[in-house]
Protein backbone atom coordinates (compact mmCIF):
# COMPACT_ATOMS: atom_id res chain seq x y z
CA MET A 1 -0.19 0.15 0.58
CA ALA A 2 1.54 3.10 -1.07
CA ASN A 3 2.48 6.13 1.39
CA PRO A 4 -0.41 8.70 1.16
CA GLN A 5 2.03 11.32 1.82
CA ASP A 6 4.09 10.10 -1.57
CA HIS A 7 1.75 10.51 -4.28
CA LEU A 8 -1.45 12.54 -5.48
CA GLN A 9 -5.08 12.15 -3.71
CA LEU A 10 -8.45 12.64 -5.33
CA THR A 11 -9.96 15.80 -4.78
CA PRO A 12 -13.14 15.88 -2.81
CA THR A 13 -15.17 17.45 -5.67
CA THR A 14 -14.43 14.23 -8.32
CA THR A 15 -14.38 12.15 -4.77
CA TYR A 16 -18.32 13.02 -4.39
CA TYR A 17 -18.54 12.98 -8.01
CA LEU A 18 -17.20 9.30 -7.83
CA ARG A 19 -19.25 8.04 -5.16
CA LYS A 20 -22.41 9.51 -6.63
CA ILE A 21 -22.07 6.89 -9.77
CA LEU A 22 -20.85 3.89 -7.64
CA ARG A 23 -24.30 3.79 -4.96
CA LYS A 24 -26.26 4.53 -8.37
CA ASN A 25 -24.49 0.65 -9.59
CA LEU A 26 -23.27 -0.45 -6.76
CA ASP A 27 -25.43 -3.73 -6.92
CA GLN A 28 -23.92 -4.43 -9.74
CA LEU A 29 -20.35 -4.21 -9.26
CA GLU A 30 -17.92 -6.03 -7.50
CA SER A 31 -14.40 -5.38 -6.45
CA VAL A 32 -11.43 -6.94 -7.04
CA LEU A 33 -10.26 -6.50 -3.35
CA SER A 34 -12.08 -9.65 -2.33
CA LYS A 35 -9.78 -10.53 0.43
CA GLU A 36 -9.98 -6.82 1.81
CA THR A 37 -13.45 -6.43 1.53
CA ASN A 38 -14.30 -9.69 3.64
CA LEU A 39 -12.19 -8.20 6.08
CA GLY A 40 -14.48 -5.47 6.41
CA PHE A 41 -12.45 -2.80 3.84
CA ASP A 42 -15.42 -1.01 1.72
CA PRO A 43 -13.84 0.22 -1.58
CA VAL A 44 -16.21 2.68 -1.59
CA ALA A 45 -15.63 4.73 1.63
CA ASP A 46 -12.29 5.91 0.93
CA LEU A 47 -11.36 6.08 -2.95
CA ASN A 48 -7.97 7.23 -1.87
CA SER A 49 -7.18 4.26 0.15
CA THR A 50 -8.74 1.95 -2.11
CA LEU A 51 -6.07 3.14 -5.02
CA SER A 52 -3.45 3.05 -2.62
CA PHE A 53 -4.49 -0.93 -2.40
CA LEU A 54 -4.51 -1.22 -5.79
CA TYR A 55 -1.91 0.59 -7.10
CA SER A 56 1.39 0.00 -5.34
CA ASP A 57 3.78 1.98 -6.80
CA THR A 58 3.30 5.82 -6.98
CA ALA A 59 3.74 6.55 -9.97
CA SER A 60 1.17 4.01 -11.33
CA LEU A 61 -1.02 5.96 -8.85
CA ASN A 62 -0.88 9.46 -9.87
CA SER A 63 -0.98 8.02 -13.35
CA VAL A 64 -4.50 6.54 -12.36
CA VAL A 65 -5.44 9.74 -10.00
CA LYS A 66 -5.08 11.80 -13.16
CA GLU A 67 -7.29 9.72 -15.30
CA LEU A 68 -9.73 9.71 -13.18
CA GLU A 69 -9.80 13.33 -13.19
CA ARG A 70 -10.26 13.50 -16.64
CA LEU A 71 -12.89 10.41 -16.91
CA VAL A 72 -15.22 12.35 -14.51
CA LYS A 73 -14.67 15.79 -16.37
CA TYR A 74 -15.88 13.89 -19.51
CA HIS A 75 -18.68 11.89 -17.85
CA GLN A 76 -20.11 15.30 -16.37
CA VAL A 77 -20.21 16.36 -19.81
CA LEU A 78 -21.81 13.79 -21.43
CA SER A 79 -24.24 13.52 -18.80
CA THR A 80 -25.74 16.61 -19.69
CA GLN A 81 -26.15 15.81 -23.55
CA GLY A 82 -28.82 13.49 -22.81
CA THR A 83 -29.00 10.49 -24.87
CA LEU A 84 -27.32 11.36 -27.84
CA HIS A 85 -23.71 10.24 -26.32
CA ARG A 86 -25.18 7.14 -23.97
CA GLN A 87 -22.43 4.64 -25.66
CA GLU A 88 -19.68 7.23 -24.59
CA LEU A 89 -21.32 7.48 -21.12
CA ASP A 90 -21.29 3.68 -20.85
CA LYS A 91 -17.32 3.36 -22.00
CA SER A 92 -16.76 6.32 -19.41
CA GLU A 93 -18.00 5.09 -16.52
CA ALA A 94 -16.30 1.27 -17.45
CA ALA A 95 -13.37 3.12 -17.22
CA ILE A 96 -13.87 4.65 -14.32
CA PHE A 97 -14.72 1.36 -12.77
CA SER A 98 -11.99 -0.55 -13.74
CA ALA A 99 -9.60 2.28 -12.67
CA LEU A 100 -11.38 1.74 -8.89
CA GLY A 101 -10.70 -1.94 -9.52
CA LEU A 102 -14.32 -2.86 -9.79
CA ARG A 103 -16.17 -5.03 -11.83
CA SER A 104 -19.76 -5.89 -13.55
CA ILE A 105 -21.43 -8.84 -12.35
CA ASN A 106 -24.18 -8.02 -14.83
CA GLU A 107 -23.08 -10.32 -17.96
CA ILE A 108 -25.80 -8.24 -20.63
CA PRO A 109 -24.80 -4.23 -20.52
CA GLU A 110 -27.98 -2.06 -20.42
CA ASN A 111 -27.20 -0.43 -23.73
CA LYS A 112 -27.43 -3.67 -25.04
CA ALA A 113 -30.70 -4.06 -24.66
CA LYS A 114 -32.96 -5.85 -27.23
CA ILE A 115 -35.80 -3.49 -28.82
CA MET A 116 -38.61 -4.92 -31.23
CA ILE A 117 -40.76 -2.44 -33.28
CA VAL A 118 -43.76 -3.41 -34.60
CA ASP A 119 -45.11 -1.43 -37.52
CA ASP A 120 -46.69 -1.75 -41.07
CA ARG A 121 -44.11 0.75 -42.87
CA PRO A 122 -40.82 -0.14 -43.46
CA GLU A 123 -39.62 3.58 -43.80
CA ASN A 124 -40.56 3.85 -40.04
CA ILE A 125 -38.76 0.94 -38.78
CA ARG A 126 -36.00 1.62 -41.16
CA LEU A 127 -35.86 5.72 -39.19
CA LEU A 128 -35.93 4.30 -35.91
CA ALA A 129 -33.67 1.22 -36.54
CA VAL A 130 -30.86 3.60 -37.59
CA ALA A 131 -31.39 5.83 -34.64
CA LEU A 132 -31.61 2.97 -31.89
CA ASN A 133 -28.47 1.07 -33.50
CA ARG A 134 -26.23 4.05 -33.15
CA GLN A 135 -27.08 3.67 -29.23
CA GLY A 136 -26.03 0.03 -28.89
CA TYR A 137 -29.00 -1.14 -28.95
CA THR A 138 -30.54 -4.38 -30.98
CA VAL A 139 -33.21 -3.83 -33.43
CA GLU A 140 -35.71 -6.56 -34.65
CA SER A 141 -38.61 -5.46 -37.07
CA VAL A 142 -41.78 -6.91 -37.55
CA ASP A 143 -44.16 -4.93 -40.06
CA ASN A 144 -46.64 -7.69 -39.89
CA SER A 145 -49.02 -7.48 -36.28
CA SER A 146 -50.68 -10.40 -36.63
CA THR A 147 -47.42 -12.36 -36.42
CA ALA A 148 -46.09 -9.64 -33.68
CA LEU A 149 -46.92 -11.87 -31.15
CA SER A 150 -45.19 -15.34 -31.65
CA ILE A 151 -42.31 -13.35 -32.66
CA ALA A 152 -41.99 -12.02 -29.46
CA ARG A 153 -42.31 -14.89 -27.61
CA ALA A 154 -39.66 -16.12 -29.85
CA LEU A 155 -37.02 -12.98 -28.82
CA LYS A 156 -38.07 -12.21 -25.60
CA PRO A 157 -37.09 -8.35 -26.08
CA ASP A 158 -36.51 -5.66 -23.76
CA LEU A 159 -38.83 -3.54 -25.34
CA ILE A 160 -41.24 -2.92 -27.83
CA LEU A 161 -42.14 -0.09 -30.03
CA LEU A 162 -45.63 -0.48 -31.40
CA ASP A 163 -47.84 1.05 -34.12
CA ILE A 164 -51.11 2.00 -33.08
CA MET A 165 -52.88 1.86 -37.02
CA MET A 166 -52.11 -1.53 -38.50
CA PRO A 167 -53.85 -3.84 -40.98
CA ILE A 168 -55.12 -7.15 -39.81
CA LEU A 169 -54.88 -6.42 -35.81
CA ASP A 170 -54.14 -2.51 -34.75
CA GLY A 171 -51.88 -1.72 -32.38
CA TYR A 172 -54.17 -1.90 -29.25
CA GLU A 173 -55.06 -5.71 -29.92
CA VAL A 174 -51.74 -6.57 -30.23
CA CYS A 175 -50.74 -4.80 -26.77
CA LYS A 176 -54.02 -6.86 -25.45
CA LEU A 177 -52.70 -9.97 -26.87
CA LEU A 178 -49.10 -9.47 -25.29
CA LYS A 179 -49.97 -8.69 -21.47
CA LYS A 180 -52.03 -11.44 -21.74
CA ASP A 181 -49.69 -14.16 -22.27
CA PRO A 182 -47.36 -15.10 -19.31
CA GLU A 183 -44.30 -15.15 -21.52
CA THR A 184 -44.52 -11.95 -23.14
CA SER A 185 -46.79 -9.74 -20.23
CA GLU A 186 -43.58 -8.28 -18.49
CA ILE A 187 -42.28 -6.62 -21.67
CA PRO A 188 -42.74 -3.03 -21.26
CA VAL A 189 -44.71 -1.34 -24.94
CA ILE A 190 -44.61 1.85 -26.16
CA PHE A 191 -46.86 3.45 -28.61
CA VAL A 192 -45.47 5.20 -31.67
CA SER A 193 -48.32 6.60 -33.01
CA ALA A 194 -49.56 9.68 -35.40
CA VAL A 195 -52.76 9.76 -33.39
CA THR A 196 -52.89 12.44 -30.90
CA ASN A 197 -56.78 12.56 -29.62
CA VAL A 198 -56.48 12.37 -25.98
CA MET A 199 -58.71 9.40 -26.00
CA ASP A 200 -57.09 6.93 -28.24
CA LYS A 201 -53.66 7.81 -25.77
CA VAL A 202 -55.70 6.89 -22.66
CA LYS A 203 -57.25 3.81 -24.35
CA GLY A 204 -53.25 2.84 -25.00
CA PHE A 205 -52.49 3.04 -21.40
CA ARG A 206 -55.53 0.58 -20.75
CA ALA A 207 -54.56 -1.81 -23.02
CA GLY A 208 -50.96 -1.81 -20.86
CA ALA A 209 -48.98 0.50 -23.09
CA VAL A 210 -45.67 2.20 -20.52
CA ASP A 211 -45.89 5.45 -22.52
CA TYR A 212 -46.58 6.84 -26.02
CA ILE A 213 -44.77 8.64 -28.64
CA THR A 214 -46.87 11.18 -31.30
CA LYS A 215 -45.56 11.20 -34.78
CA PRO A 216 -44.26 12.47 -36.16
CA PHE A 217 -41.56 11.74 -33.72
CA GLN A 218 -37.76 13.79 -32.77
CA PHE A 219 -35.16 11.00 -32.47
CA ASP A 220 -33.85 12.59 -28.89
CA GLU A 221 -37.68 12.27 -27.60
CA VAL A 222 -37.99 8.29 -28.58
CA LEU A 223 -34.16 7.70 -27.28
CA ALA A 224 -35.15 9.32 -23.88
CA ARG A 225 -38.18 7.65 -23.30
CA VAL A 226 -36.54 4.15 -24.64
CA GLU A 227 -33.94 4.97 -22.04
CA HIS A 228 -36.08 6.22 -19.43
CA GLN A 229 -38.33 2.42 -19.84
CA LEU A 230 -34.89 0.18 -19.81
CA LYS A 231 -33.60 2.02 -16.77
CA ILE A 232 -37.01 1.08 -15.06
CA LEU A 233 -36.80 -2.01 -16.49
CA SER A 234 -33.42 -2.78 -15.12
CA LEU A 235 -34.35 -1.16 -11.67
CA SER A 236 -37.16 -3.35 -11.28
CA LYS A 237 -34.94 -6.93 -12.64
CA ARG A 238 -32.44 -5.58 -9.73
CA LEU A 239 -35.25 -4.72 -7.02
CA GLU A 240 -36.30 -8.28 -7.60
CA GLU A 241 -32.46 -10.06 -7.75
CA SER A 242 -31.94 -7.75 -4.44
CA ASN A 243 -34.94 -9.24 -2.39
CA LEU A 244 -34.09 -12.75 -3.56
CA ARG A 245 -30.74 -12.62 -2.54
CA LEU A 246 -31.94 -11.07 1.25
CA GLN A 247 -34.16 -14.15 0.96
CA GLN A 248 -31.57 -16.46 0.50
CA GLU A 249 -29.26 -14.74 2.93
CA SER A 250 -32.04 -14.47 5.41
CA ARG A 251 -32.58 -18.34 5.04
CA GLU A 252 -28.95 -19.04 5.25
CA ARG A 253 -28.49 -16.58 8.44
CA GLN A 254 -31.50 -18.98 9.98
CA ALA A 255 -29.90 -21.94 9.23
CA GLU A 256 -26.59 -20.97 11.08
CA ASN A 257 -28.44 -19.13 14.02
CA GLN A 258 -29.93 -23.00 14.38
CA GLN A 259 -26.55 -24.56 14.05
CA LEU A 260 -24.80 -22.41 16.57
CA VAL A 261 -27.58 -22.86 19.47
CA LEU A 262 -26.76 -26.59 18.30
CA TYR A 263 -23.36 -26.00 18.64
CA ARG A 264 -24.03 -24.46 21.92
CA GLU A 265 -25.41 -27.06 23.64
CA ALA A 266 -23.06 -29.42 22.35
CA LEU A 267 -20.08 -27.97 23.84
CA ASP A 268 -22.42 -27.37 27.00
CA ILE A 269 -22.70 -30.93 27.33
CA ILE A 270 -19.05 -31.35 26.60
CA SER A 271 -17.76 -29.48 29.39
CA THR A 272 -20.01 -26.80 31.46
CA TYR A 273 -17.06 -24.29 31.63
CA ASN A 274 -16.17 -23.30 28.36
CA LEU A 275 -14.95 -19.84 26.68
CA PHE A 276 -14.22 -18.40 23.30
CA ILE A 277 -10.89 -15.78 23.75
CA GLN A 278 -9.36 -13.26 21.72
CA PRO A 279 -5.45 -13.12 21.54
CA ASN A 280 -5.44 -9.60 23.66
CA GLY A 281 -7.64 -12.02 26.29
CA GLN A 282 -11.00 -10.19 25.67
CA PHE A 283 -13.69 -12.87 25.99
CA ILE A 284 -16.16 -12.81 22.91
CA GLN A 285 -18.58 -15.93 24.03
CA ALA A 286 -18.91 -17.25 27.04
CA SER A 287 -21.20 -20.40 27.69
CA GLU A 288 -24.72 -19.98 30.45
CA SER A 289 -22.96 -22.89 32.72
CA THR A 290 -20.06 -20.94 32.92
CA ALA A 291 -21.62 -17.83 33.82
CA LYS A 292 -23.65 -19.64 36.11
CA ILE A 293 -20.21 -21.23 37.67
CA LEU A 294 -18.68 -17.57 38.02
CA GLY A 295 -22.22 -15.73 39.42
CA TYR A 296 -21.58 -13.15 35.88
CA ALA A 297 -24.09 -12.74 33.19
CA VAL A 298 -22.81 -13.99 29.50
CA GLU A 299 -23.01 -9.84 28.33
CA GLU A 300 -20.52 -8.97 31.48
CA LEU A 301 -18.02 -12.12 30.84
CA ARG A 302 -18.23 -10.60 27.32
CA ASN A 303 -16.62 -7.08 28.42
CA MET A 304 -14.21 -8.88 30.49
CA LYS A 305 -10.92 -10.62 29.84
CA LEU A 306 -9.45 -13.52 31.16
CA GLN A 307 -7.08 -11.79 32.74
CA ASP A 308 -9.43 -9.77 34.87
CA LEU A 309 -10.60 -13.58 36.30
CA ASP A 310 -7.00 -14.09 37.35
CA GLU A 311 -5.33 -11.28 38.54
CA SER A 312 -1.68 -12.90 38.46
CA LEU A 313 -2.00 -14.09 34.95
CA ASP A 314 -0.37 -10.35 33.36
CA VAL A 315 -0.19 -8.92 29.91
CA SER A 316 3.41 -10.91 29.36
CA SER A 317 2.47 -14.22 30.66
CA TRP A 318 -0.29 -14.10 28.86
CA GLN A 319 1.36 -13.39 25.48
CA GLU A 320 4.04 -16.59 26.06
CA HIS A 321 0.73 -18.29 26.55
CA TRP A 322 -1.09 -17.50 23.47
CA LYS A 323 2.56 -17.24 21.72
CA THR A 324 2.64 -21.18 22.82
CA LEU A 325 -1.03 -21.79 21.53
CA GLN A 326 0.41 -20.59 18.34
CA GLU A 327 3.38 -22.76 18.04
CA GLN A 328 1.63 -26.03 19.62
CA THR A 329 -2.19 -25.34 18.45
CA TYR A 330 -2.85 -26.02 22.14
CA VAL A 331 -2.01 -25.22 25.76
CA GLU A 332 -2.93 -26.12 29.42
CA MET A 333 -3.03 -24.22 32.03
CA LEU A 334 -4.12 -23.77 35.61
CA THR A 335 -5.80 -20.62 36.46
CA TYR A 336 -7.28 -19.15 39.37
CA HIS A 337 -11.00 -17.43 38.50
CA ARG A 338 -12.12 -14.91 40.67
CA LYS A 339 -16.05 -15.04 40.70
CA LYS A 340 -18.46 -12.33 41.43
CA ASN A 341 -18.88 -12.82 45.68
CA GLY A 342 -15.26 -13.03 45.67
CA GLU A 343 -14.63 -16.59 46.00
CA THR A 344 -11.95 -17.86 43.77
CA VAL A 345 -11.95 -21.44 41.67
CA ALA A 346 -8.73 -23.59 40.67
CA ILE A 347 -9.75 -24.04 36.95
CA GLN A 348 -7.17 -26.51 35.14
CA LEU A 349 -7.93 -24.83 31.12
CA THR A 350 -7.11 -26.10 27.77
CA LEU A 351 -6.93 -24.03 25.00
CA ALA A 352 -7.57 -25.13 21.33
CA TYR A 353 -6.01 -22.67 18.68
CA LEU A 354 -8.80 -22.08 16.27
CA PRO A 355 -7.56 -19.42 13.07
CA GLN A 356 -10.73 -17.84 11.39
CA GLN A 357 -10.40 -15.54 8.29
CA ASN A 358 -6.69 -14.36 9.03
CA VAL A 359 -8.24 -13.65 12.44
CA ALA A 360 -7.41 -16.63 15.70
CA TYR A 361 -8.91 -17.37 18.19
CA ALA A 362 -9.23 -19.40 21.35
CA TYR A 363 -11.01 -22.13 22.56
CA ALA A 364 -10.70 -23.02 26.38
CA VAL A 365 -12.78 -25.61 28.32
CA LEU A 366 -12.20 -27.20 31.17
CA TYR A 367 -11.05 -30.68 31.80
CA THR A 368 -10.45 -30.87 35.51
CA PRO A 369 -12.34 -32.92 37.62
CA PRO A 370 -16.28 -32.15 38.23
CA GLU A 371 -15.64 -30.07 41.68
CA PRO A 372 -13.61 -27.59 41.37
CA LEU A 373 -11.99 -26.25 44.48
CA ILE A 374 -13.26 -23.53 46.01
CA VAL A 375 -10.23 -20.57 47.79
CA SER A 376 -11.54 -18.04 50.23
CA ALA A 377 -11.18 -14.31 49.17
CA GLU A 378 -8.78 -13.55 51.36
CA THR A 379 -6.22 -16.38 50.98
CA ALA A 380 -3.30 -14.82 49.46
CA ASP A 381 -1.38 -17.59 47.93
CA PRO A 382 -2.81 -19.99 45.22
CA PRO A 383 -3.85 -23.36 46.87
CA PRO A 384 -1.94 -26.43 46.15
CA ALA A 385 -3.13 -28.70 43.27
CA ALA A 386 -5.81 -31.30 43.79
CA PRO A 387 -4.29 -34.86 44.78
CA ALA A 388 -4.41 -37.48 41.63
CA ASP A 389 -7.60 -40.05 42.50
CA PRO A 390 -8.48 -42.79 40.19
CA SER A 391 -11.65 -41.32 38.99
CA PRO A 392 -11.71 -40.27 35.20
CA GLY A 393 -11.41 -36.46 35.34
CA ALA A 394 -7.91 -37.39 37.49
CA GLN A 395 -7.04 -39.74 34.93
CA ASN A 396 -7.27 -37.45 31.90
CA LEU A 397 -5.33 -34.66 34.03
CA GLY A 398 -2.20 -36.25 32.00
CA VAL A 399 -3.13 -36.30 28.56
CA LYS A 400 -0.68 -34.71 25.94
CA SER A 401 -3.79 -33.22 23.74
CA TRP A 402 -7.54 -32.76 24.31
CA ARG A 403 -8.19 -34.96 21.65
CA GLN A 404 -7.24 -37.45 23.96
CA TRP A 405 -9.72 -36.71 26.58
CA GLN A 406 -11.99 -39.50 27.42
CA VAL A 407 -15.75 -38.35 28.21
């Protein structure tokens, strides 16, 4: 990661504009910094830090910062031109995303949408097709209204431009047929007609159309209305995908929570005294039975460290235990835990090393005879170890690994 003092940084204005673009497309993008993202790093929150992660040498980083400044200004200019430079606008956005280490998870870009034109006049089809092709759309034409439904079923267009005044079937009838068919009912239809009567327009909306363009049409208006409807369609699909994703994540989270409950119950069965500990000694989880033995609530224990329970265990000695734990994957240690009422309990702990996604924890469990030794609060020195006895618990005190423990 490059030193911020040695390279150029994005200006606040550019950063604000970039975030605005990213937030509009965030559900369709993924970062190449997957490792950092899994550790909680947000590639959008601090764009300068993101660039520092992506480009380690100063020369490359400075070059990318300058290019992003240029792309943002270019994007701002294109955004004021309406739909005339849609392809260039999309290209500039793609370049911005690439420079920020973001890639699209959507295989088909929005400007590659498929549009079907239904009109009995070839000259109208030709004019519309040329204008739409220039914007990067794929255009399919139909000059016979009676075949419009079957062709729409086969092509599955993203949008249909439909004339009203046609022989055999007029546009209203075609639109009604499209909306009745489950395979084509979700395709948005825009009427393109010389009919300007208000009642005829209302009739078109009642037939299922989403918009209406009057002839003679202006290309800018056609492109703007087409783009607007495709944007609505895209947002609807993205919203539906997000809802499905959230439902799936909710089901997975519920399943994980059920597994956690089972694991906790299993841990309590294995041992009535178990804790999960961070490298600094902080507890992140304690069993209900552990809390009950010590007289604390589980939430109270989560705000404590192992050193809070055992005052003889200072920072340096705990670090030595942790170092040994990392090397040997388990450690056995005798500790004296102070209960909430002031009594001290002698606890022979076995700690297992649990690395999880670049973060390490220790699982501490009691494997000593079931009756812990109680020491009064006034006792200054730690009590001697309990004498050996032939009970199964005592036999297990001499094992070399917690995996050899006999239940």
